């Protein structure tokens, strides 16, 4: 088995990927049902956080529905259009393209200005190339929609935070 597959299926990494998929599916269901405004999420091996104004009961119901729908094969719910993976992919690709545009360049300001159009073009190309790659990175690396026995154990509300937050705890 390739080392990449071994790492992705390693206990803690696998749990983060499953929680990440459940987080995305939960947020998408809340939006689909128009039960919340702007929300953000962050996952780890213990579950995930949801930041933003949402009713706790609505969040619990959405997370349970997300789990059920993922287990029933709606794996597209694990891929979120505003995931940080998309932004990181775009940043890395565009950064590499910008670096490539600067290779072999002299250090004077005139040389840098002469190369500016090339840098802008390649960075723009990097963002274009990254658009389909970000969701693929989610699919291949950062989420795992096959949740197995992963289930919700507790949802905690933190209203004193700005924005308010919920901690969704999971277990295998």
N, C-alpha and C. Protein backbone atom coordinates (compact mmCIF):
# COMPACT_ATOMS: atom_id res chain seq x y z
N UNK A 1 0.85 -1.18 0.00
CA UNK A 1 0.00 0.00 0.00
C UNK A 1 0.89 1.24 0.00
N UNK A 2 0.61 2.23 -0.85
CA UNK A 2 1.43 3.45 -0.90
C UNK A 2 1.41 4.19 0.44
N UNK A 3 2.52 4.85 0.74
CA UNK A 3 2.66 5.57 2.01
C UNK A 3 1.57 6.62 2.20
N UNK A 4 1.16 7.28 1.10
CA UNK A 4 0.10 8.29 1.20
C UNK A 4 -1.20 7.69 1.70
N UNK A 5 -1.56 6.53 1.19
CA UNK A 5 -2.79 5.84 1.62
C UNK A 5 -2.68 5.43 3.09
N UNK A 6 -1.50 4.96 3.46
CA UNK A 6 -1.29 4.55 4.86
C UNK A 6 -1.50 5.74 5.78
N UNK A 7 -0.92 6.90 5.43
CA UNK A 7 -1.07 8.10 6.26
C UNK A 7 -2.52 8.57 6.32
N UNK A 8 -3.22 8.57 5.18
CA UNK A 8 -4.60 9.04 5.15
C UNK A 8 -5.53 8.14 5.95
N UNK A 9 -5.19 6.87 6.07
CA UNK A 9 -6.03 5.93 6.81
C UNK A 9 -5.55 5.69 8.24
N UNK A 10 -4.48 6.37 8.64
CA UNK A 10 -3.96 6.27 9.99
C UNK A 10 -4.98 6.86 10.96
N UNK A 11 -5.20 6.25 12.10
CA UNK A 11 -6.23 6.61 13.07
C UNK A 11 -6.56 8.09 13.22
N UNK A 12 -5.64 8.91 13.75
CA UNK A 12 -5.96 10.32 13.98
C UNK A 12 -6.27 11.08 12.68
N UNK A 13 -5.53 10.82 11.63
CA UNK A 13 -5.76 11.51 10.35
C UNK A 13 -7.11 11.09 9.78
N UNK A 14 -7.41 9.82 9.83
CA UNK A 14 -8.69 9.32 9.34
C UNK A 14 -9.85 9.95 10.09
N UNK A 15 -9.70 10.10 11.40
CA UNK A 15 -10.78 10.69 12.20
C UNK A 15 -10.98 12.17 11.84
N UNK A 16 -9.90 12.90 11.64
CA UNK A 16 -10.02 14.30 11.22
C UNK A 16 -10.73 14.38 9.87
N UNK A 17 -10.35 13.53 8.94
CA UNK A 17 -10.96 13.54 7.60
C UNK A 17 -12.46 13.23 7.68
N UNK A 18 -12.85 12.30 8.52
CA UNK A 18 -14.27 11.97 8.68
C UNK A 18 -15.03 13.13 9.31
N UNK A 19 -14.44 13.72 10.37
CA UNK A 19 -15.08 14.87 11.00
C UNK A 19 -15.19 16.04 10.03
N UNK A 20 -14.18 16.21 9.20
CA UNK A 20 -14.19 17.28 8.20
C UNK A 20 -15.34 17.06 7.22
N UNK A 21 -15.53 15.83 6.78
CA UNK A 21 -16.64 15.51 5.87
C UNK A 21 -17.98 15.77 6.55
N UNK A 22 -18.11 15.36 7.81
CA UNK A 22 -19.36 15.57 8.55
C UNK A 22 -19.61 17.06 8.78
N UNK A 23 -18.55 17.81 9.07
CA UNK A 23 -18.68 19.27 9.23
C UNK A 23 -19.22 19.90 7.94
N UNK A 24 -18.60 19.58 6.81
CA UNK A 24 -19.04 20.13 5.52
C UNK A 24 -20.49 19.78 5.24
N UNK A 25 -20.84 18.52 5.42
CA UNK A 25 -22.21 18.08 5.15
C UNK A 25 -23.20 18.79 6.07
N UNK A 26 -22.84 18.96 7.33
CA UNK A 26 -23.71 19.65 8.29
C UNK A 26 -23.93 21.10 7.85
N UNK A 27 -22.85 21.80 7.50
CA UNK A 27 -22.98 23.20 7.07
C UNK A 27 -23.82 23.30 5.80
N UNK A 28 -23.63 22.39 4.87
CA UNK A 28 -24.40 22.44 3.62
C UNK A 28 -25.88 22.17 3.87
N UNK A 29 -26.20 21.29 4.80
CA UNK A 29 -27.60 21.01 5.12
C UNK A 29 -28.23 22.22 5.81
N UNK A 30 -27.50 22.87 6.70
CA UNK A 30 -28.04 24.08 7.35
C UNK A 30 -28.35 25.16 6.31
N UNK A 31 -27.46 25.33 5.34
CA UNK A 31 -27.69 26.31 4.27
C UNK A 31 -28.87 25.88 3.41
N UNK A 32 -28.90 24.60 3.06
CA UNK A 32 -29.98 24.05 2.23
C UNK A 32 -31.35 24.29 2.87
N UNK A 33 -31.42 24.16 4.19
CA UNK A 33 -32.68 24.34 4.91
C UNK A 33 -32.88 25.77 5.38
N UNK A 34 -31.94 26.64 5.03
CA UNK A 34 -31.98 28.05 5.41
C UNK A 34 -32.18 28.21 6.92
N UNK A 35 -31.40 27.44 7.67
CA UNK A 35 -31.51 27.45 9.13
C UNK A 35 -30.41 28.28 9.79
N UNK A 36 -29.55 28.89 9.00
CA UNK A 36 -28.46 29.66 9.58
C UNK A 36 -27.96 30.68 8.57
N UNK A 37 -27.30 31.70 9.10
CA UNK A 37 -26.67 32.70 8.24
C UNK A 37 -25.27 32.26 7.87
N UNK A 38 -24.34 33.18 7.97
CA UNK A 38 -22.95 32.85 7.64
C UNK A 38 -22.35 31.99 8.74
N UNK A 39 -21.79 30.87 8.31
CA UNK A 39 -21.18 29.94 9.25
C UNK A 39 -19.79 29.56 8.76
N UNK A 40 -18.96 29.16 9.70
CA UNK A 40 -17.64 28.62 9.37
C UNK A 40 -17.41 27.42 10.27
N UNK A 41 -16.53 26.55 9.85
CA UNK A 41 -16.25 25.37 10.65
C UNK A 41 -14.77 25.03 10.64
N UNK A 42 -14.37 24.30 11.68
CA UNK A 42 -13.01 23.80 11.81
C UNK A 42 -13.10 22.41 12.42
N UNK A 43 -12.39 21.46 11.83
CA UNK A 43 -12.45 20.07 12.30
C UNK A 43 -11.14 19.64 12.94
N UNK A 44 -11.25 18.68 13.85
CA UNK A 44 -10.09 18.00 14.40
C UNK A 44 -10.48 16.57 14.73
N UNK A 45 -9.64 15.82 15.41
CA UNK A 45 -9.93 14.41 15.63
C UNK A 45 -11.03 14.18 16.66
N UNK A 46 -11.42 15.21 17.39
CA UNK A 46 -12.45 15.07 18.41
C UNK A 46 -13.84 15.47 17.92
N UNK A 47 -13.91 16.09 16.74
CA UNK A 47 -15.18 16.56 16.20
C UNK A 47 -14.95 17.80 15.36
N UNK A 48 -15.84 18.77 15.54
CA UNK A 48 -15.67 20.02 14.80
C UNK A 48 -16.36 21.16 15.52
N UNK A 49 -15.91 22.37 15.18
CA UNK A 49 -16.50 23.61 15.67
C UNK A 49 -17.35 24.21 14.56
N UNK A 50 -18.44 24.86 14.94
CA UNK A 50 -19.23 25.66 14.01
C UNK A 50 -19.30 27.06 14.60
N UNK A 51 -18.85 28.04 13.84
CA UNK A 51 -18.84 29.43 14.27
C UNK A 51 -19.93 30.19 13.52
N UNK A 52 -20.74 30.92 14.27
CA UNK A 52 -21.82 31.70 13.67
C UNK A 52 -23.12 31.41 14.39
N UNK A 53 -24.11 32.21 14.08
CA UNK A 53 -25.40 32.11 14.76
C UNK A 53 -26.23 30.98 14.17
N UNK A 54 -26.48 29.96 14.98
CA UNK A 54 -27.33 28.84 14.59
C UNK A 54 -27.93 28.25 15.87
N UNK A 55 -29.18 27.85 15.79
CA UNK A 55 -29.86 27.22 16.91
C UNK A 55 -29.22 25.85 17.18
N UNK A 56 -28.99 25.55 18.45
CA UNK A 56 -28.33 24.30 18.81
C UNK A 56 -29.10 23.08 18.32
N UNK A 57 -30.41 23.08 18.52
CA UNK A 57 -31.23 21.94 18.07
C UNK A 57 -31.17 21.77 16.55
N UNK A 58 -31.20 22.90 15.83
CA UNK A 58 -31.09 22.84 14.37
C UNK A 58 -29.75 22.25 13.95
N UNK A 59 -28.70 22.63 14.67
CA UNK A 59 -27.36 22.11 14.38
C UNK A 59 -27.31 20.60 14.62
N UNK A 60 -27.85 20.15 15.74
CA UNK A 60 -27.86 18.72 16.05
C UNK A 60 -28.62 17.95 14.97
N UNK A 61 -29.80 18.45 14.60
CA UNK A 61 -30.60 17.78 13.57
C UNK A 61 -29.86 17.74 12.24
N UNK A 62 -29.20 18.85 11.88
CA UNK A 62 -28.46 18.90 10.62
C UNK A 62 -27.28 17.93 10.64
N UNK A 63 -26.58 17.85 11.76
CA UNK A 63 -25.44 16.93 11.87
C UNK A 63 -25.90 15.47 11.78
N UNK A 64 -27.02 15.16 12.41
CA UNK A 64 -27.55 13.79 12.33
C UNK A 64 -28.00 13.47 10.91
N UNK A 65 -28.65 14.43 10.26
CA UNK A 65 -29.06 14.23 8.87
C UNK A 65 -27.83 14.10 7.96
N UNK A 66 -26.81 14.91 8.22
CA UNK A 66 -25.58 14.85 7.43
C UNK A 66 -24.95 13.47 7.54
N UNK A 67 -24.88 12.95 8.74
CA UNK A 67 -24.32 11.61 8.95
C UNK A 67 -25.12 10.57 8.17
N UNK A 68 -26.43 10.64 8.29
CA UNK A 68 -27.29 9.68 7.60
C UNK A 68 -27.13 9.77 6.07
N UNK A 69 -27.11 10.99 5.55
CA UNK A 69 -27.02 11.17 4.10
C UNK A 69 -25.65 10.76 3.57
N UNK A 70 -24.59 11.05 4.31
CA UNK A 70 -23.26 10.58 3.89
C UNK A 70 -23.22 9.06 3.88
N UNK A 71 -23.78 8.45 4.90
CA UNK A 71 -23.78 6.98 4.96
C UNK A 71 -24.65 6.37 3.86
N UNK A 72 -25.62 7.14 3.37
CA UNK A 72 -26.47 6.66 2.27
C UNK A 72 -25.89 6.98 0.90
N UNK A 73 -24.64 7.46 0.87
CA UNK A 73 -23.95 7.64 -0.41
C UNK A 73 -23.93 9.04 -0.98
N UNK A 74 -24.45 10.04 -0.28
CA UNK A 74 -24.42 11.42 -0.78
C UNK A 74 -23.06 12.05 -0.45
N UNK A 75 -22.01 11.46 -1.02
CA UNK A 75 -20.64 11.87 -0.70
C UNK A 75 -20.31 13.28 -1.16
N UNK A 76 -21.07 13.82 -2.12
CA UNK A 76 -20.81 15.19 -2.58
C UNK A 76 -21.01 16.20 -1.46
N UNK A 77 -21.76 15.85 -0.42
CA UNK A 77 -21.95 16.76 0.71
C UNK A 77 -20.65 17.01 1.47
N UNK A 78 -19.67 16.13 1.31
CA UNK A 78 -18.38 16.27 2.00
C UNK A 78 -17.49 17.33 1.36
N UNK A 79 -17.84 17.76 0.15
CA UNK A 79 -17.03 18.75 -0.58
C UNK A 79 -17.71 20.10 -0.47
N UNK A 80 -17.03 21.06 0.16
CA UNK A 80 -17.62 22.39 0.39
C UNK A 80 -16.91 23.44 -0.47
N UNK A 81 -17.68 24.31 -1.14
CA UNK A 81 -17.07 25.30 -2.03
C UNK A 81 -16.19 26.33 -1.32
N UNK A 82 -16.42 26.57 -0.02
CA UNK A 82 -15.64 27.56 0.70
C UNK A 82 -14.66 26.95 1.69
N UNK A 83 -14.29 25.72 1.44
CA UNK A 83 -13.34 25.03 2.32
C UNK A 83 -11.95 25.68 2.22
N UNK A 84 -11.27 25.73 3.34
CA UNK A 84 -9.91 26.25 3.35
C UNK A 84 -8.96 25.47 2.46
N UNK A 85 -9.28 24.20 2.20
CA UNK A 85 -8.46 23.40 1.29
C UNK A 85 -8.42 24.04 -0.09
N UNK A 86 -9.56 24.57 -0.54
CA UNK A 86 -9.61 25.25 -1.84
C UNK A 86 -8.69 26.47 -1.85
N UNK A 87 -8.75 27.24 -0.77
CA UNK A 87 -7.94 28.46 -0.70
C UNK A 87 -6.46 28.13 -0.58
N UNK A 88 -6.13 27.12 0.22
CA UNK A 88 -4.73 26.72 0.36
C UNK A 88 -4.17 26.19 -0.96
N UNK A 89 -4.97 25.40 -1.66
CA UNK A 89 -4.54 24.87 -2.96
C UNK A 89 -4.26 26.02 -3.93
N UNK A 90 -5.17 26.99 -3.98
CA UNK A 90 -4.99 28.14 -4.86
C UNK A 90 -3.75 28.94 -4.47
N UNK A 91 -3.55 29.13 -3.17
CA UNK A 91 -2.39 29.89 -2.71
C UNK A 91 -1.08 29.20 -3.03
N UNK A 92 -1.03 27.89 -2.82
CA UNK A 92 0.20 27.14 -3.10
C UNK A 92 0.52 27.15 -4.59
N UNK A 93 -0.47 26.83 -5.41
CA UNK A 93 -0.23 26.78 -6.86
C UNK A 93 0.16 28.16 -7.38
N UNK A 94 -0.56 29.19 -6.97
CA UNK A 94 -0.25 30.55 -7.44
C UNK A 94 1.11 31.00 -6.93
N UNK A 95 1.44 30.65 -5.70
CA UNK A 95 2.76 30.99 -5.16
C UNK A 95 3.89 30.33 -5.93
N UNK A 96 3.71 29.06 -6.27
CA UNK A 96 4.73 28.35 -7.06
C UNK A 96 4.86 28.99 -8.44
N UNK A 97 3.72 29.33 -9.05
CA UNK A 97 3.77 29.98 -10.37
C UNK A 97 4.47 31.34 -10.28
N UNK A 98 4.22 32.11 -9.22
CA UNK A 98 4.88 33.40 -9.05
C UNK A 98 6.38 33.21 -8.88
N UNK A 99 6.76 32.22 -8.08
CA UNK A 99 8.17 31.92 -7.88
C UNK A 99 8.83 31.55 -9.21
N UNK A 100 8.14 30.72 -10.01
CA UNK A 100 8.69 30.32 -11.31
C UNK A 100 8.89 31.54 -12.21
N UNK A 101 7.97 32.50 -12.14
CA UNK A 101 8.08 33.69 -12.98
C UNK A 101 9.29 34.53 -12.59
N UNK A 102 9.74 34.41 -11.35
CA UNK A 102 10.85 35.23 -10.87
C UNK A 102 12.21 34.53 -11.03
N UNK A 103 12.21 33.28 -11.43
CA UNK A 103 13.48 32.55 -11.58
C UNK A 103 14.39 33.23 -12.60
N UNK A 104 15.65 33.28 -12.28
CA UNK A 104 16.64 33.82 -13.21
C UNK A 104 16.59 35.33 -13.36
N UNK A 105 15.84 36.00 -12.52
CA UNK A 105 15.69 37.44 -12.64
C UNK A 105 16.80 38.17 -11.87
N UNK A 106 17.21 39.29 -12.42
CA UNK A 106 18.20 40.11 -11.73
C UNK A 106 17.51 40.87 -10.61
N UNK A 107 18.27 41.50 -9.75
CA UNK A 107 17.74 42.10 -8.54
C UNK A 107 17.30 43.56 -8.67
N UNK A 108 17.45 44.17 -9.81
CA UNK A 108 17.10 45.58 -9.92
C UNK A 108 15.59 45.77 -9.99
N UNK A 109 15.13 46.95 -9.60
CA UNK A 109 13.70 47.27 -9.64
C UNK A 109 13.18 47.25 -11.07
N UNK A 110 14.00 47.68 -12.00
CA UNK A 110 13.57 47.67 -13.40
C UNK A 110 13.31 46.24 -13.86
N UNK A 111 14.19 45.32 -13.49
CA UNK A 111 13.99 43.91 -13.86
C UNK A 111 12.70 43.36 -13.22
N UNK A 112 12.46 43.73 -11.98
CA UNK A 112 11.25 43.26 -11.29
C UNK A 112 10.00 43.81 -11.96
N UNK A 113 10.02 45.09 -12.31
CA UNK A 113 8.86 45.69 -12.99
C UNK A 113 8.64 45.08 -14.37
N UNK A 114 9.74 44.80 -15.06
CA UNK A 114 9.62 44.17 -16.38
C UNK A 114 8.96 42.79 -16.27
N UNK A 115 9.16 42.13 -15.17
CA UNK A 115 8.63 40.77 -14.98
C UNK A 115 7.23 40.78 -14.37
N UNK A 116 6.72 41.93 -13.95
CA UNK A 116 5.44 42.01 -13.24
C UNK A 116 4.27 41.43 -14.05
N UNK A 117 4.18 41.74 -15.32
CA UNK A 117 3.08 41.22 -16.14
C UNK A 117 3.12 39.70 -16.21
N UNK A 118 4.32 39.14 -16.28
CA UNK A 118 4.45 37.67 -16.30
C UNK A 118 4.00 37.07 -14.98
N UNK A 119 4.39 37.71 -13.88
CA UNK A 119 4.00 37.22 -12.55
C UNK A 119 2.48 37.26 -12.42
N UNK A 120 1.87 38.37 -12.77
CA UNK A 120 0.41 38.50 -12.67
C UNK A 120 -0.29 37.46 -13.54
N UNK A 121 0.19 37.28 -14.74
CA UNK A 121 -0.41 36.28 -15.64
C UNK A 121 -0.31 34.88 -15.06
N UNK A 122 0.87 34.52 -14.56
CA UNK A 122 1.04 33.17 -14.02
C UNK A 122 0.27 32.96 -12.71
N UNK A 123 0.20 33.99 -11.87
CA UNK A 123 -0.60 33.87 -10.64
C UNK A 123 -2.08 33.70 -10.98
N UNK A 124 -2.56 34.46 -11.95
CA UNK A 124 -3.95 34.30 -12.40
C UNK A 124 -4.17 32.90 -12.95
N UNK A 125 -3.25 32.43 -13.75
CA UNK A 125 -3.34 31.06 -14.27
C UNK A 125 -3.34 30.05 -13.13
N UNK A 126 -2.54 30.31 -12.11
CA UNK A 126 -2.51 29.43 -10.93
C UNK A 126 -3.87 29.34 -10.26
N UNK A 127 -4.54 30.49 -10.11
CA UNK A 127 -5.88 30.48 -9.51
C UNK A 127 -6.87 29.72 -10.38
N UNK A 128 -6.76 29.87 -11.68
CA UNK A 128 -7.66 29.16 -12.60
C UNK A 128 -7.43 27.65 -12.52
N UNK A 129 -6.17 27.25 -12.53
CA UNK A 129 -5.83 25.83 -12.44
C UNK A 129 -6.30 25.25 -11.10
N UNK A 130 -6.23 26.04 -10.04
CA UNK A 130 -6.57 25.56 -8.70
C UNK A 130 -8.06 25.34 -8.49
N UNK A 131 -8.91 26.02 -9.27
CA UNK A 131 -10.36 25.90 -9.03
C UNK A 131 -10.86 24.47 -9.05
N UNK A 132 -10.53 23.65 -10.02
CA UNK A 132 -10.99 22.26 -9.95
C UNK A 132 -10.14 21.40 -9.01
N UNK A 133 -8.91 21.83 -8.72
CA UNK A 133 -8.03 21.02 -7.89
C UNK A 133 -8.37 21.10 -6.40
N UNK A 134 -8.87 22.25 -5.94
CA UNK A 134 -9.24 22.38 -4.53
C UNK A 134 -10.28 21.35 -4.11
N UNK A 135 -11.41 21.26 -4.82
CA UNK A 135 -12.40 20.22 -4.49
C UNK A 135 -11.84 18.80 -4.62
N UNK A 136 -10.96 18.58 -5.60
CA UNK A 136 -10.35 17.25 -5.73
C UNK A 136 -9.44 16.95 -4.53
N UNK A 137 -8.74 17.96 -4.04
CA UNK A 137 -7.91 17.77 -2.85
C UNK A 137 -8.79 17.41 -1.65
N UNK A 138 -9.96 18.06 -1.55
CA UNK A 138 -10.89 17.68 -0.48
C UNK A 138 -11.29 16.21 -0.64
N UNK A 139 -11.66 15.84 -1.86
CA UNK A 139 -12.12 14.48 -2.14
C UNK A 139 -11.04 13.44 -1.85
N UNK A 140 -9.80 13.72 -2.28
CA UNK A 140 -8.73 12.74 -2.20
C UNK A 140 -7.97 12.77 -0.87
N UNK A 141 -7.91 13.95 -0.23
CA UNK A 141 -7.00 14.09 0.91
C UNK A 141 -7.68 14.53 2.20
N UNK A 142 -8.43 15.63 2.19
CA UNK A 142 -8.83 16.25 3.46
C UNK A 142 -10.18 15.81 4.00
N UNK A 143 -11.00 15.08 3.23
CA UNK A 143 -12.27 14.57 3.76
C UNK A 143 -12.39 13.08 3.47
N UNK A 144 -13.17 12.41 4.31
CA UNK A 144 -13.50 11.00 4.10
C UNK A 144 -15.00 10.83 4.37
N UNK A 145 -15.81 10.75 3.31
CA UNK A 145 -17.26 10.67 3.50
C UNK A 145 -17.76 9.33 4.02
N UNK A 146 -16.93 8.30 3.97
CA UNK A 146 -17.31 7.00 4.54
C UNK A 146 -17.05 7.07 6.04
N UNK A 147 -18.07 7.43 6.80
CA UNK A 147 -17.91 7.73 8.22
C UNK A 147 -17.73 6.50 9.10
N UNK A 148 -18.09 5.34 8.59
CA UNK A 148 -18.00 4.14 9.43
C UNK A 148 -18.90 4.29 10.64
N UNK A 149 -18.34 4.04 11.82
CA UNK A 149 -19.14 4.11 13.05
C UNK A 149 -19.10 5.49 13.72
N UNK A 150 -18.53 6.48 13.05
CA UNK A 150 -18.46 7.83 13.62
C UNK A 150 -19.86 8.33 13.94
N UNK A 151 -20.04 8.85 15.15
CA UNK A 151 -21.35 9.36 15.56
C UNK A 151 -21.18 10.54 16.52
N UNK A 152 -22.22 11.34 16.64
CA UNK A 152 -22.21 12.48 17.55
C UNK A 152 -22.32 11.99 18.99
N UNK A 153 -21.54 12.60 19.86
CA UNK A 153 -21.64 12.26 21.28
C UNK A 153 -22.14 13.44 22.11
N UNK A 154 -21.85 14.67 21.66
CA UNK A 154 -22.25 15.84 22.44
C UNK A 154 -22.13 17.09 21.57
N UNK A 155 -23.02 18.05 21.82
CA UNK A 155 -22.92 19.36 21.18
C UNK A 155 -22.96 20.40 22.29
N UNK A 156 -21.92 21.23 22.35
CA UNK A 156 -21.81 22.27 23.37
C UNK A 156 -21.94 23.63 22.70
N UNK A 157 -22.68 24.55 23.34
CA UNK A 157 -22.85 25.91 22.82
C UNK A 157 -21.99 26.85 23.65
N UNK A 158 -21.34 27.79 22.95
CA UNK A 158 -20.52 28.81 23.59
C UNK A 158 -21.04 30.18 23.15
N UNK A 159 -22.13 30.66 23.76
CA UNK A 159 -22.76 31.91 23.31
C UNK A 159 -21.92 33.15 23.60
N UNK A 160 -20.99 33.05 24.55
CA UNK A 160 -20.18 34.21 24.93
C UNK A 160 -19.12 34.54 23.88
N UNK A 161 -18.86 33.63 23.00
CA UNK A 161 -17.87 33.88 21.94
C UNK A 161 -18.46 34.81 20.89
N UNK A 162 -17.57 35.49 20.20
CA UNK A 162 -18.01 36.39 19.14
C UNK A 162 -17.26 36.03 17.87
N UNK A 163 -17.89 35.37 16.91
CA UNK A 163 -19.30 34.98 16.89
C UNK A 163 -19.55 33.79 17.80
N UNK A 164 -20.85 33.53 18.12
CA UNK A 164 -21.17 32.36 18.94
C UNK A 164 -20.63 31.09 18.28
N UNK A 165 -20.36 30.09 19.10
CA UNK A 165 -19.77 28.86 18.57
C UNK A 165 -20.43 27.63 19.18
N UNK A 166 -20.35 26.55 18.44
CA UNK A 166 -20.77 25.24 18.93
C UNK A 166 -19.61 24.27 18.75
N UNK A 167 -19.45 23.39 19.72
CA UNK A 167 -18.45 22.33 19.64
C UNK A 167 -19.23 21.03 19.46
N UNK A 168 -19.03 20.38 18.32
CA UNK A 168 -19.69 19.11 18.03
C UNK A 168 -18.67 18.00 18.26
N UNK A 169 -18.90 17.18 19.27
CA UNK A 169 -17.98 16.11 19.61
C UNK A 169 -18.47 14.80 18.99
N UNK A 170 -17.51 14.02 18.49
CA UNK A 170 -17.84 12.75 17.85
C UNK A 170 -16.99 11.63 18.45
N UNK A 171 -17.39 10.42 18.15
CA UNK A 171 -16.65 9.25 18.60
C UNK A 171 -16.83 8.13 17.59
N UNK A 172 -15.92 7.18 17.60
CA UNK A 172 -16.05 6.00 16.74
C UNK A 172 -16.71 4.87 17.51
